Amino acid sequence: MRKIITVALILFSTLSFSQEYNFKPKWNKGDVKQISVNTVEKEYEDGKLISDTTHYNEARIKVLKDNKEDYILEILLENQALKTAQLFYDKLGEELKDYRDLKLIYSINKKTAESDLLNWKEAQKFMTESFGQISTVIEKKVPDMASIIKFTFLPIEITFESKEGIEGYMQTNIGYILTPFNQNFKLGETITTAESANNPFNQMQEVSATNLLTLESVDEQTKTCIINEKLELDLSQFIEMMKGMMQQMSKSSGVNDSTITEKSKEMDDFDFEFNNFKVITFNYETSWVEKVVNTGTVLSTRPKDGVKTKKEVIATIIVK
């Protein structure tokens, strides 16, 4: 009987205290990872599909150094300014080959996985020069598009005005490689962190954000685990700012008070929701993320006609 009781107590102890996982980067000098990103954007109005586009991007990560306290990574990202401008002039990539890829050099702390952008001034110079070169070519080849290009570049130009902006750009585009690290995961439990994030609808503004990380499953045979990440944004201040702008525009246009009141009511009825969810496949033996499926949706109801709109962006990222 004593043996049975002992086994029962051990079993109870195992069930009561779930295993804790704390992953650390354990890369090797010379490691190279090729990243492919397939992005599908769809827009709906009252459930009807009105647009469907697909984009493809590539990136590369190389471990340059394996120091005592940190790793030095080289990250090559496609220059999105150049790629966007090619929609207006398809030979731009051939004429500006030197500006195809943006190079970022990061140090990654082995214990904390904190990152530090080492070459932000070089990256800033590269992008500033690329903006100028692209604008010059566009003005020469397709002058009618020059003003549109300048307007399109504005959010990216603002991003590259500071080290913090460029690091935020990296976080948006490739930050998922660090997501699994320095977290005390327990299977099925959610880690909640309050932070700030760039407003996806206004890159010049930061908003309050809540990040939720959950270790969904662990597969000991494949040495992989699934981590779910949900980002919740507080867009209340942004919506209020938009309402204020609408009211100010109405007043400056000489609109009468009754119309302004009506417009204000329309904005009060404005329905808006943003969701962002990642499913990350992480190999804890190699300590490299292998796959990410990032789904972002924007749901809204137009106040004037009541049409329900939905924009869905699904990015599938493969790391090999």
C-alpha atoms as a PDB file:
ATOM      1  CA  MET A   1       0.000   0.000   0.000  1.00  0.00           C
ATOM      2  CA  ARG A   2       2.848   2.383   0.814  1.00  0.00           C
ATOM      3  CA  LYS A   3       4.264   2.033  -2.727  1.00  0.00           C
ATOM      4  CA  ILE A   4       0.909   2.873  -4.266  1.00  0.00           C
ATOM      5  CA  ILE A   5       0.612   5.994  -2.129  1.00  0.00           C
ATOM      6  CA  THR A   6       4.159   7.077  -3.064  1.00  0.00           C
ATOM      7  CA  VAL A   7       3.474   6.687  -6.790  1.00  0.00           C
ATOM      8  CA  ALA A   8       0.230   8.593  -6.397  1.00  0.00           C
ATOM      9  CA  LEU A   9       2.032  11.469  -4.685  1.00  0.00           C
ATOM     10  CA  ILE A  10       4.683  11.622  -7.425  1.00  0.00           C
ATOM     11  CA  LEU A  11       1.978  11.699 -10.090  1.00  0.00           C
ATOM     12  CA  PHE A  12       0.135  14.468  -8.253  1.00  0.00           C
ATOM     13  CA  SER A  13       3.351  16.466  -7.952  1.00  0.00           C
ATOM     14  CA  THR A  14       4.026  16.139 -11.688  1.00  0.00           C
ATOM     15  CA  LEU A  15       0.543  17.338 -12.580  1.00  0.00           C
ATOM     16  CA  SER A  16       0.613  20.222 -10.111  1.00  0.00           C
ATOM     17  CA  PHE A  17       3.948  21.746 -11.123  1.00  0.00           C
ATOM     18  CA  SER A  18       4.133  22.105 -14.885  1.00  0.00           C
ATOM     19  CA  GLN A  19       7.514  22.314 -16.567  1.00  0.00           C
ATOM     20  CA  GLU A  20       8.988  25.732 -17.204  1.00  0.00           C
ATOM     21  CA  TYR A  21      10.725  26.565 -20.498  1.00  0.00           C
ATOM     22  CA  ASN A  22      13.227  29.376 -20.889  1.00  0.00           C
ATOM     23  CA  PHE A  23      14.821  29.405 -24.328  1.00  0.00           C
ATOM     24  CA  LYS A  24      18.175  31.033 -25.104  1.00  0.00           C
ATOM     25  CA  PRO A  25      19.832  31.647 -28.485  1.00  0.00           C
ATOM     26  CA  LYS A  26      22.551  29.072 -29.194  1.00  0.00           C
ATOM     27  CA  TRP A  27      23.634  29.889 -32.692  1.00  0.00           C
ATOM     28  CA  ASN A  28      26.960  29.224 -34.401  1.00  0.00           C
ATOM     29  CA  LYS A  29      29.284  31.572 -36.233  1.00  0.00           C
ATOM     30  CA  GLY A  30      28.641  31.199 -39.962  1.00  0.00           C
ATOM     31  CA  ASP A  31      24.985  30.165 -39.614  1.00  0.00           C
ATOM     32  CA  VAL A  32      22.977  31.503 -42.563  1.00  0.00           C
ATOM     33  CA  LYS A  33      19.192  31.569 -42.761  1.00  0.00           C
ATOM     34  CA  GLN A  34      17.212  32.448 -45.883  1.00  0.00           C
ATOM     35  CA  ILE A  35      13.799  33.968 -45.233  1.00  0.00           C
ATOM     36  CA  SER A  36      10.892  34.035 -47.672  1.00  0.00           C
ATOM     37  CA  VAL A  37       7.758  36.037 -46.964  1.00  0.00           C
ATOM     38  CA  ASN A  38       4.528  35.476 -48.896  1.00  0.00           C
ATOM     39  CA  THR A  39       1.915  38.133 -48.095  1.00  0.00           C
ATOM     40  CA  VAL A  40      -1.704  37.932 -49.221  1.00  0.00           C
ATOM     41  CA  GLU A  41      -3.878  41.027 -48.817  1.00  0.00           C
ATOM     42  CA  LYS A  42      -7.650  40.835 -49.227  1.00  0.00           C
ATOM     43  CA  GLU A  43     -10.331  43.487 -48.856  1.00  0.00           C
ATOM     44  CA  TYR A  44     -14.046  42.870 -48.355  1.00  0.00           C
ATOM     45  CA  GLU A  45     -17.174  45.016 -48.315  1.00  0.00           C
ATOM     46  CA  ASP A  46     -20.232  43.450 -46.675  1.00  0.00           C
ATOM     47  CA  GLY A  47     -18.588  40.055 -47.064  1.00  0.00           C
ATOM     48  CA  LYS A  48     -17.848  40.499 -50.779  1.00  0.00           C
ATOM     49  CA  LEU A  49     -14.220  40.250 -51.941  1.00  0.00           C
ATOM     50  CA  ILE A  50     -13.243  43.452 -53.762  1.00  0.00           C
ATOM     51  CA  SER A  51      -9.441  43.085 -53.990  1.00  0.00           C
ATOM     52  CA  ASP A  52      -6.879  40.301 -53.681  1.00  0.00           C
ATOM     53  CA  THR A  53      -3.136  40.897 -54.035  1.00  0.00           C
ATOM     54  CA  THR A  54      -0.022  38.873 -53.248  1.00  0.00           C
ATOM     55  CA  HIS A  55       3.470  40.158 -52.423  1.00  0.00           C
ATOM     56  CA  TYR A  56       6.734  38.279 -52.054  1.00  0.00           C
ATOM     57  CA  ASN A  57       9.801  39.386 -50.095  1.00  0.00           C
ATOM     58  CA  GLU A  58      13.122  37.844 -49.151  1.00  0.00           C
ATOM     59  CA  ALA A  59      15.634  38.409 -46.357  1.00  0.00           C
ATOM     60  CA  ARG A  60      18.799  36.783 -45.037  1.00  0.00           C
ATOM     61  CA  ILE A  61      20.351  36.395 -41.605  1.00  0.00           C
ATOM     62  CA  LYS A  62      24.000  35.526 -41.032  1.00  0.00           C
ATOM     63  CA  VAL A  63      25.800  35.016 -37.716  1.00  0.00           C
ATOM     64  CA  LEU A  64      28.990  37.013 -38.167  1.00  0.00           C
ATOM     65  CA  LYS A  65      30.487  36.511 -34.700  1.00  0.00           C
ATOM     66  CA  ASP A  66      29.983  34.351 -31.625  1.00  0.00           C
ATOM     67  CA  ASN A  67      31.397  36.407 -28.758  1.00  0.00           C
ATOM     68  CA  LYS A  68      31.459  35.578 -25.059  1.00  0.00           C
ATOM     69  CA  GLU A  69      28.416  37.708 -24.226  1.00  0.00           C
ATOM     70  CA  ASP A  70      26.692  38.272 -27.547  1.00  0.00           C
ATOM     71  CA  TYR A  71      26.168  37.290 -31.159  1.00  0.00           C
ATOM     72  CA  ILE A  72      26.703  39.671 -34.065  1.00  0.00           C
ATOM     73  CA  LEU A  73      24.092  39.239 -36.783  1.00  0.00           C
ATOM     74  CA  GLU A  74      23.983  40.617 -40.299  1.00  0.00           C
ATOM     75  CA  ILE A  75      20.450  41.051 -41.589  1.00  0.00           C
ATOM     76  CA  LEU A  76      19.784  41.803 -45.255  1.00  0.00           C
ATOM     77  CA  LEU A  77      16.301  43.120 -46.016  1.00  0.00           C
ATOM     78  CA  GLU A  78      14.912  44.081 -49.393  1.00  0.00           C
ATOM     79  CA  ASN A  79      14.733  47.864 -49.719  1.00  0.00           C
ATOM     80  CA  GLN A  80      10.974  48.381 -49.539  1.00  0.00           C
ATOM     81  CA  ALA A  81      11.243  51.928 -50.906  1.00  0.00           C
ATOM     82  CA  LEU A  82      12.878  50.592 -54.069  1.00  0.00           C
ATOM     83  CA  LYS A  83      10.415  47.721 -54.329  1.00  0.00           C
ATOM     84  CA  THR A  84       7.447  50.067 -53.994  1.00  0.00           C
ATOM     85  CA  ALA A  85       8.835  52.482 -56.583  1.00  0.00           C
ATOM     86  CA  GLN A  86       9.240  49.616 -59.073  1.00  0.00           C
ATOM     87  CA  LEU A  87       5.459  49.502 -59.325  1.00  0.00           C
ATOM     88  CA  PHE A  88       5.723  52.840 -61.148  1.00  0.00           C
ATOM     89  CA  TYR A  89       8.876  52.071 -63.148  1.00  0.00           C
ATOM     90  CA  ASP A  90       9.745  48.380 -63.519  1.00  0.00           C
ATOM     91  CA  LYS A  91      13.374  48.924 -64.617  1.00  0.00           C
ATOM     92  CA  LEU A  92      14.252  50.833 -61.469  1.00  0.00           C
ATOM     93  CA  GLY A  93      15.800  47.761 -59.815  1.00  0.00           C
ATOM     94  CA  GLU A  94      18.227  47.326 -62.695  1.00  0.00           C
ATOM     95  CA  GLU A  95      19.259  50.967 -62.675  1.00  0.00           C
ATOM     96  CA  LEU A  96      19.735  51.137 -58.887  1.00  0.00           C
ATOM     97  CA  LYS A  97      21.276  47.738 -58.089  1.00  0.00           C
ATOM     98  CA  ASP A  98      23.379  49.195 -55.285  1.00  0.00           C
ATOM     99  CA  TYR A  99      20.221  50.035 -53.327  1.00  0.00           C
ATOM    100  CA  ARG A 100      18.439  46.684 -53.488  1.00  0.00           C
ATOM    101  CA  ASP A 101      19.227  45.425 -49.982  1.00  0.00           C
ATOM    102  CA  LEU A 102      19.362  47.205 -46.648  1.00  0.00           C
ATOM    103  CA  LYS A 103      22.069  45.815 -44.336  1.00  0.00           C
ATOM    104  CA  LEU A 104      21.553  45.916 -40.575  1.00  0.00           C
ATOM    105  CA  ILE A 105      24.178  44.752 -38.059  1.00  0.00           C
ATOM    106  CA  TYR A 106      22.864  43.738 -34.636  1.00  0.00           C
ATOM    107  CA  SER A 107      24.344  42.473 -31.410  1.00  0.00           C
ATOM    108  CA  ILE A 108      22.124  39.974 -29.566  1.00  0.00           C
ATOM    109  CA  ASN A 109      22.817  39.368 -25.893  1.00  0.00           C
ATOM    110  CA  LYS A 110      23.121  35.634 -25.172  1.00  0.00           C
ATOM    111  CA  LYS A 111      21.401  35.803 -21.778  1.00  0.00           C
ATOM    112  CA  THR A 112      18.682  38.391 -22.287  1.00  0.00           C
ATOM    113  CA  ALA A 113      18.286  38.281 -26.101  1.00  0.00           C
ATOM    114  CA  GLU A 114      18.246  42.088 -26.044  1.00  0.00           C
ATOM    115  CA  SER A 115      19.235  43.563 -29.396  1.00  0.00           C
ATOM    116  CA  ASP A 116      21.282  46.632 -30.250  1.00  0.00           C
ATOM    117  CA  LEU A 117      21.540  48.097 -33.750  1.00  0.00           C
ATOM    118  CA  LEU A 118      25.234  48.768 -34.353  1.00  0.00           C
ATOM    119  CA  ASN A 119      25.225  50.364 -37.822  1.00  0.00           C
ATOM    120  CA  TRP A 120      22.172  52.600 -37.606  1.00  0.00           C
ATOM    121  CA  LYS A 121      24.000  55.633 -39.020  1.00  0.00           C
ATOM    122  CA  GLU A 122      25.139  53.638 -42.078  1.00  0.00           C
ATOM    123  CA  ALA A 123      21.607  52.291 -42.529  1.00  0.00           C
ATOM    124  CA  GLN A 124      20.205  55.800 -42.242  1.00  0.00           C
ATOM    125  CA  LYS A 125      22.664  57.099 -44.861  1.00  0.00           C
ATOM    126  CA  PHE A 126      21.878  54.190 -47.196  1.00  0.00           C
ATOM    127  CA  MET A 127      18.132  54.821 -47.073  1.00  0.00           C
ATOM    128  CA  THR A 128      18.490  58.613 -47.391  1.00  0.00           C
ATOM    129  CA  GLU A 129      20.630  58.161 -50.498  1.00  0.00           C
ATOM    130  CA  SER A 130      18.232  55.594 -51.922  1.00  0.00           C
ATOM    131  CA  PHE A 131      15.271  57.983 -51.469  1.00  0.00           C
ATOM    132  CA  GLY A 132      17.183  60.623 -53.405  1.00  0.00           C
ATOM    133  CA  GLN A 133      18.279  58.275 -56.197  1.00  0.00           C
ATOM    134  CA  ILE A 134      14.807  56.796 -56.599  1.00  0.00           C
ATOM    135  CA  SER A 135      13.160  60.222 -56.692  1.00  0.00           C
ATOM    136  CA  THR A 136      15.650  61.436 -59.328  1.00  0.00           C
ATOM    137  CA  VAL A 137      15.000  58.458 -61.610  1.00  0.00           C
ATOM    138  CA  ILE A 138      11.215  58.638 -61.176  1.00  0.00           C
ATOM    139  CA  GLU A 139      11.168  62.378 -61.930  1.00  0.00           C
ATOM    140  CA  LYS A 140      13.107  61.668 -65.113  1.00  0.00           C
ATOM    141  CA  LYS A 141      11.299  58.529 -66.322  1.00  0.00           C
ATOM    142  CA  VAL A 142       7.736  58.986 -65.013  1.00  0.00           C
ATOM    143  CA  PRO A 143       7.430  62.615 -63.831  1.00  0.00           C
ATOM    144  CA  ASP A 144       3.677  62.313 -63.297  1.00  0.00           C
ATOM    145  CA  MET A 145       4.364  59.858 -60.455  1.00  0.00           C
ATOM    146  CA  ALA A 146       7.022  61.934 -58.659  1.00  0.00           C
ATOM    147  CA  SER A 147       4.658  63.576 -56.160  1.00  0.00           C
ATOM    148  CA  ILE A 148       2.991  60.234 -55.387  1.00  0.00           C
ATOM    149  CA  ILE A 149       6.382  58.632 -54.711  1.00  0.00           C
ATOM    150  CA  LYS A 150       7.364  61.397 -52.293  1.00  0.00           C
ATOM    151  CA  PHE A 151       4.082  60.965 -50.409  1.00  0.00           C
ATOM    152  CA  THR A 152       4.527  57.177 -50.328  1.00  0.00           C
ATOM    153  CA  PHE A 153       8.082  57.489 -48.971  1.00  0.00           C
ATOM    154  CA  LEU A 154       7.120  59.806 -46.103  1.00  0.00           C
ATOM    155  CA  PRO A 155       6.403  57.085 -43.448  1.00  0.00           C
ATOM    156  CA  ILE A 156       9.660  55.247 -44.283  1.00  0.00           C
ATOM    157  CA  GLU A 157      11.672  58.476 -44.238  1.00  0.00           C
ATOM    158  CA  ILE A 158      10.299  59.314 -40.792  1.00  0.00           C
ATOM    159  CA  THR A 159      11.153  55.794 -39.593  1.00  0.00           C
ATOM    160  CA  PHE A 160      14.803  56.224 -40.583  1.00  0.00           C
ATOM    161  CA  GLU A 161      15.259  59.586 -38.857  1.00  0.00           C
ATOM    162  CA  SER A 162      16.438  57.924 -35.622  1.00  0.00           C
ATOM    163  CA  LYS A 163      18.042  54.777 -34.247  1.00  0.00           C
ATOM    164  CA  GLU A 164      14.821  53.972 -32.364  1.00  0.00           C
ATOM    165  CA  GLY A 165      12.806  54.255 -35.562  1.00  0.00           C
ATOM    166  CA  ILE A 166      15.104  51.902 -37.455  1.00  0.00           C
ATOM    167  CA  GLU A 167      15.064  49.397 -34.585  1.00  0.00           C
ATOM    168  CA  GLY A 168      11.274  49.560 -34.641  1.00  0.00           C
ATOM    169  CA  TYR A 169      11.408  48.840 -38.369  1.00  0.00           C
ATOM    170  CA  MET A 170      13.497  45.738 -37.636  1.00  0.00           C
ATOM    171  CA  GLN A 171      11.069  44.660 -34.917  1.00  0.00           C
ATOM    172  CA  THR A 172       8.165  44.875 -37.349  1.00  0.00           C
ATOM    173  CA  ASN A 173       9.926  43.030 -40.159  1.00  0.00           C
ATOM    174  CA  ILE A 174      12.052  40.400 -38.448  1.00  0.00           C
ATOM    175  CA  GLY A 175      11.638  40.735 -34.676  1.00  0.00           C
ATOM    176  CA  TYR A 176       9.956  37.330 -34.469  1.00  0.00           C
ATOM    177  CA  ILE A 177      13.380  35.604 -34.447  1.00  0.00           C
ATOM    178  CA  LEU A 178      13.836  36.895 -30.868  1.00  0.00           C
ATOM    179  CA  THR A 179      10.272  36.351 -29.625  1.00  0.00           C
ATOM    180  CA  PRO A 180      10.856  32.898 -28.017  1.00  0.00           C
ATOM    181  CA  PHE A 181      13.836  34.019 -25.933  1.00  0.00           C
ATOM    182  CA  ASN A 182      14.118  35.106 -22.295  1.00  0.00           C
ATOM    183  CA  GLN A 183      10.555  34.148 -21.405  1.00  0.00           C
ATOM    184  CA  ASN A 184       9.500  31.855 -18.553  1.00  0.00           C
ATOM    185  CA  PHE A 185       7.001  29.773 -20.492  1.00  0.00           C
ATOM    186  CA  LYS A 186       4.660  27.204 -19.013  1.00  0.00           C
ATOM    187  CA  LEU A 187       2.619  25.071 -21.379  1.00  0.00           C
ATOM    188  CA  GLY A 188      -0.784  26.632 -21.994  1.00  0.00           C
ATOM    189  CA  GLU A 189      -0.159  29.713 -19.841  1.00  0.00           C
ATOM    190  CA  THR A 190      -0.167  33.250 -21.252  1.00  0.00           C
ATOM    191  CA  ILE A 191       2.528  35.847 -20.558  1.00  0.00           C
ATOM    192  CA  THR A 192       1.087  39.374 -20.711  1.00  0.00           C
ATOM    193  CA  THR A 193       3.320  42.401 -21.287  1.00  0.00           C
ATOM    194  CA  ALA A 194       2.336  46.066 -21.499  1.00  0.00           C
ATOM    195  CA  GLU A 195       4.385  48.043 -24.015  1.00  0.00           C
ATOM    196  CA  SER A 196       4.144  50.630 -26.763  1.00  0.00           C
ATOM    197  CA  ALA A 197       3.981  50.030 -30.502  1.00  0.00           C
ATOM    198  CA  ASN A 198       3.833  51.985 -33.725  1.00  0.00           C
ATOM    199  CA  ASN A 199       0.320  52.793 -34.837  1.00  0.00           C
ATOM    200  CA  PRO A 200      -0.141  50.760 -38.077  1.00  0.00           C
ATOM    201  CA  PHE A 201      -2.324  53.571 -39.447  1.00  0.00           C
ATOM    202  CA  ASN A 202       0.048  56.389 -38.515  1.00  0.00           C
ATOM    203  CA  GLN A 203       3.735  55.448 -38.194  1.00  0.00           C
ATOM    204  CA  MET A 204       4.471  58.821 -36.577  1.00  0.00           C
ATOM    205  CA  GLN A 205       2.395  57.908 -33.540  1.00  0.00           C
ATOM    206  CA  GLU A 206       2.996  55.380 -30.767  1.00  0.00           C
ATOM    207  CA  VAL A 207       0.068  53.731 -29.008  1.00  0.00           C
ATOM    208  CA  SER A 208      -0.320  51.620 -25.878  1.00  0.00           C
ATOM    209  CA  ALA A 209      -0.142  47.906 -26.600  1.00  0.00           C
ATOM    210  CA  THR A 210      -0.616  44.621 -24.788  1.00  0.00           C
ATOM    211  CA  ASN A 211       1.380  41.623 -25.972  1.00  0.00           C
ATOM    212  CA  LEU A 212       0.178  38.114 -25.098  1.00  0.00           C
ATOM    213  CA  LEU A 213       2.510  35.112 -25.536  1.00  0.00           C
ATOM    214  CA  THR A 214       1.343  31.527 -25.086  1.00  0.00           C
ATOM    215  CA  LEU A 215       3.367  28.329 -25.361  1.00  0.00           C
ATOM    216  CA  GLU A 216       0.700  26.310 -27.148  1.00  0.00           C
ATOM    217  CA  SER A 217       2.453  22.956 -27.602  1.00  0.00           C
ATOM    218  CA  VAL A 218       5.805  21.171 -27.397  1.00  0.00           C
ATOM    219  CA  ASP A 219       6.772  18.282 -29.702  1.00  0.00           C
ATOM    220  CA  GLU A 220       9.728  16.415 -28.221  1.00  0.00           C
ATOM    221  CA  GLN A 221      10.160  14.233 -31.326  1.00  0.00           C
ATOM    222  CA  THR A 222      10.682  17.128 -33.744  1.00  0.00           C
ATOM    223  CA  LYS A 223      12.203  19.399 -31.050  1.00  0.00           C
ATOM    224  CA  THR A 224       9.758  22.132 -31.998  1.00  0.00           C
ATOM    225  CA  CYS A 225       7.150  24.126 -30.145  1.00  0.00           C
ATOM    226  CA  ILE A 226       4.282  26.383 -31.157  1.00  0.00           C
ATOM    227  CA  ILE A 227       4.147  29.871 -29.649  1.00  0.00           C
ATOM    228  CA  ASN A 228       1.095  32.062 -30.172  1.00  0.00           C
ATOM    229  CA  GLU A 229       1.499  35.831 -30.014  1.00  0.00           C
ATOM    230  CA  LYS A 230      -1.388  38.265 -29.917  1.00  0.00           C
ATOM    231  CA  LEU A 231      -0.971  42.038 -30.075  1.00  0.00           C
ATOM    232  CA  GLU A 232      -3.744  44.246 -28.738  1.00  0.00           C
ATOM    233  CA  LEU A 233      -3.545  47.953 -29.533  1.00  0.00           C
ATOM    234  CA  ASP A 234      -5.314  50.784 -27.726  1.00  0.00           C
ATOM    235  CA  LEU A 235      -6.408  52.955 -30.639  1.00  0.00           C
ATOM    236  CA  SER A 236      -8.862  55.103 -28.663  1.00  0.00           C
ATOM    237  CA  GLN A 237      -6.619  58.201 -28.763  1.00  0.00           C
ATOM    238  CA  PHE A 238      -6.049  57.726 -32.507  1.00  0.00           C
ATOM    239  CA  ILE A 239      -9.801  57.499 -33.157  1.00  0.00           C
ATOM    240  CA  GLU A 240     -10.419  60.619 -31.066  1.00  0.00           C
ATOM    241  CA  MET A 241      -7.675  62.406 -33.016  1.00  0.00           C
ATOM    242  CA  MET A 242      -9.361  61.411 -36.289  1.00  0.00           C
ATOM    243  CA  LYS A 243     -12.681  62.729 -35.005  1.00  0.00           C
ATOM    244  CA  GLY A 244     -11.048  66.028 -34.071  1.00  0.00           C
ATOM    245  CA  MET A 245      -9.418  66.302 -37.494  1.00  0.00           C
ATOM    246  CA  MET A 246     -12.754  65.684 -39.225  1.00  0.00           C
ATOM    247  CA  GLN A 247     -14.426  68.362 -37.124  1.00  0.00           C
ATOM    248  CA  GLN A 248     -11.612  70.847 -37.736  1.00  0.00           C
ATOM    249  CA  MET A 249     -11.683  70.200 -41.485  1.00  0.00           C
ATOM    250  CA  SER A 250     -15.437  70.774 -41.523  1.00  0.00           C
ATOM    251  CA  LYS A 251     -15.090  74.053 -39.629  1.00  0.00           C
ATOM    252  CA  SER A 252     -12.266  75.322 -41.833  1.00  0.00           C
ATOM    253  CA  SER A 253     -14.352  74.517 -44.920  1.00  0.00           C
ATOM    254  CA  GLY A 254     -17.134  76.802 -43.743  1.00  0.00           C
ATOM    255  CA  VAL A 255     -19.588  74.009 -42.995  1.00  0.00           C
ATOM    256  CA  ASN A 256     -22.520  75.067 -40.797  1.00  0.00           C
ATOM    257  CA  ASP A 257     -22.910  73.924 -37.183  1.00  0.00           C
ATOM    258  CA  SER A 258     -25.745  71.460 -37.888  1.00  0.00           C
ATOM    259  CA  THR A 259     -23.613  69.649 -40.484  1.00  0.00           C
ATOM    260  CA  ILE A 260     -20.624  69.548 -38.094  1.00  0.00           C
ATOM    261  CA  THR A 261     -22.898  68.058 -35.416  1.00  0.00           C
ATOM    262  CA  GLU A 262     -24.095  65.454 -37.908  1.00  0.00           C
ATOM    263  CA  LYS A 263     -20.515  64.592 -38.914  1.00  0.00           C
ATOM    264  CA  SER A 264     -19.522  64.331 -35.262  1.00  0.00           C
ATOM    265  CA  LYS A 265     -22.364  61.893 -34.644  1.00  0.00           C
ATOM    266  CA  GLU A 266     -21.203  59.834 -37.630  1.00  0.00           C
ATOM    267  CA  MET A 267     -17.709  59.643 -36.144  1.00  0.00           C
ATOM    268  CA  ASP A 268     -19.148  58.699 -32.736  1.00  0.00           C
ATOM    269  CA  ASP A 269     -20.861  55.772 -34.440  1.00  0.00           C
ATOM    270  CA  PHE A 270     -17.618  54.783 -36.151  1.00  0.00           C
ATOM    271  CA  ASP A 271     -16.885  51.095 -35.503  1.00  0.00           C
ATOM    272  CA  PHE A 272     -13.253  50.061 -35.729  1.00  0.00           C
ATOM    273  CA  GLU A 273     -11.306  46.958 -34.675  1.00  0.00           C
ATOM    274  CA  PHE A 274      -7.708  45.853 -35.228  1.00  0.00           C
ATOM    275  CA  ASN A 275      -6.363  42.331 -34.609  1.00  0.00           C
ATOM    276  CA  ASN A 276      -2.888  40.868 -35.035  1.00  0.00           C
ATOM    277  CA  PHE A 277      -2.038  37.240 -34.338  1.00  0.00           C
ATOM    278  CA  LYS A 278       1.130  35.198 -34.941  1.00  0.00           C
ATOM    279  CA  VAL A 279       1.651  31.454 -34.860  1.00  0.00           C
ATOM    280  CA  ILE A 280       5.384  30.815 -34.456  1.00  0.00           C
ATOM    281  CA  THR A 281       7.037  27.429 -35.024  1.00  0.00           C
ATOM    282  CA  PHE A 282      10.280  27.386 -33.046  1.00  0.00           C
ATOM    283  CA  ASN A 283      12.984  24.707 -33.092  1.00  0.00           C
ATOM    284  CA  TYR A 284      14.341  24.736 -29.537  1.00  0.00           C
ATOM    285  CA  GLU A 285      17.242  22.456 -30.453  1.00  0.00           C
ATOM    286  CA  THR A 286      18.692  24.806 -33.093  1.00  0.00           C
ATOM    287  CA  SER A 287      17.091  27.881 -31.425  1.00  0.00           C
ATOM    288  CA  TRP A 288      15.880  29.181 -34.801  1.00  0.00           C
ATOM    289  CA  VAL A 289      12.313  30.093 -35.676  1.00  0.00           C
ATOM    290  CA  GLU A 290      11.270  27.929 -38.635  1.00  0.00           C
ATOM    291  CA  LYS A 291       7.897  29.367 -39.615  1.00  0.00           C
ATOM    292  CA  VAL A 292       5.592  32.251 -38.774  1.00  0.00           C
ATOM    293  CA  VAL A 293       2.012  32.824 -39.899  1.00  0.00           C
ATOM    294  CA  ASN A 294       1.044  36.419 -39.111  1.00  0.00           C
ATOM    295  CA  THR A 295      -2.607  37.359 -39.568  1.00  0.00           C
ATOM    296  CA  GLY A 296      -3.693  40.975 -39.315  1.00  0.00           C
ATOM    297  CA  THR A 297      -7.276  42.142 -39.746  1.00  0.00           C
ATOM    298  CA  VAL A 298      -8.954  45.536 -39.703  1.00  0.00           C
ATOM    299  CA  LEU A 299     -12.729  45.540 -39.267  1.00  0.00           C
ATOM    300  CA  SER A 300     -14.776  48.711 -39.559  1.00  0.00           C
ATOM    301  CA  THR A 301     -18.206  50.058 -40.410  1.00  0.00           C
ATOM    302  CA  ARG A 302     -18.394  53.153 -42.575  1.00  0.00           C
ATOM    303  CA  PRO A 303     -20.490  55.696 -40.641  1.00  0.00           C
ATOM    304  CA  LYS A 304     -22.090  57.228 -43.722  1.00  0.00           C
ATOM    305  CA  ASP A 305     -23.552  54.150 -45.442  1.00  0.00           C
ATOM    306  CA  GLY A 306     -23.141  51.413 -42.836  1.00  0.00           C
ATOM    307  CA  VAL A 307     -21.029  49.216 -45.116  1.00  0.00           C
ATOM    308  CA  LYS A 308     -18.966  46.703 -43.148  1.00  0.00           C
ATOM    309  CA  THR A 309     -15.381  46.542 -44.401  1.00  0.00           C
ATOM    310  CA  LYS A 310     -12.637  44.070 -43.682  1.00  0.00           C
ATOM    311  CA  LYS A 311      -8.978  44.095 -44.639  1.00  0.00           C
ATOM    312  CA  GLU A 312      -7.055  40.891 -44.015  1.00  0.00           C
ATOM    313  CA  VAL A 313      -3.292  40.523 -44.385  1.00  0.00           C
ATOM    314  CA  ILE A 314      -1.766  37.045 -43.987  1.00  0.00           C
ATOM    315  CA  ALA A 315       2.021  36.800 -44.123  1.00  0.00           C
ATOM    316  CA  THR A 316       3.551  33.321 -44.228  1.00  0.00           C
ATOM    317  CA  ILE A 317       7.245  33.409 -43.304  1.00  0.00           C
ATOM    318  CA  ILE A 318       9.532  30.438 -43.930  1.00  0.00           C
ATOM    319  CA  VAL A 319      13.049  30.356 -42.416  1.00  0.00           C
ATOM    320  CA  LYS A 320      15.495  27.806 -43.863  1.00  0.00           C
END
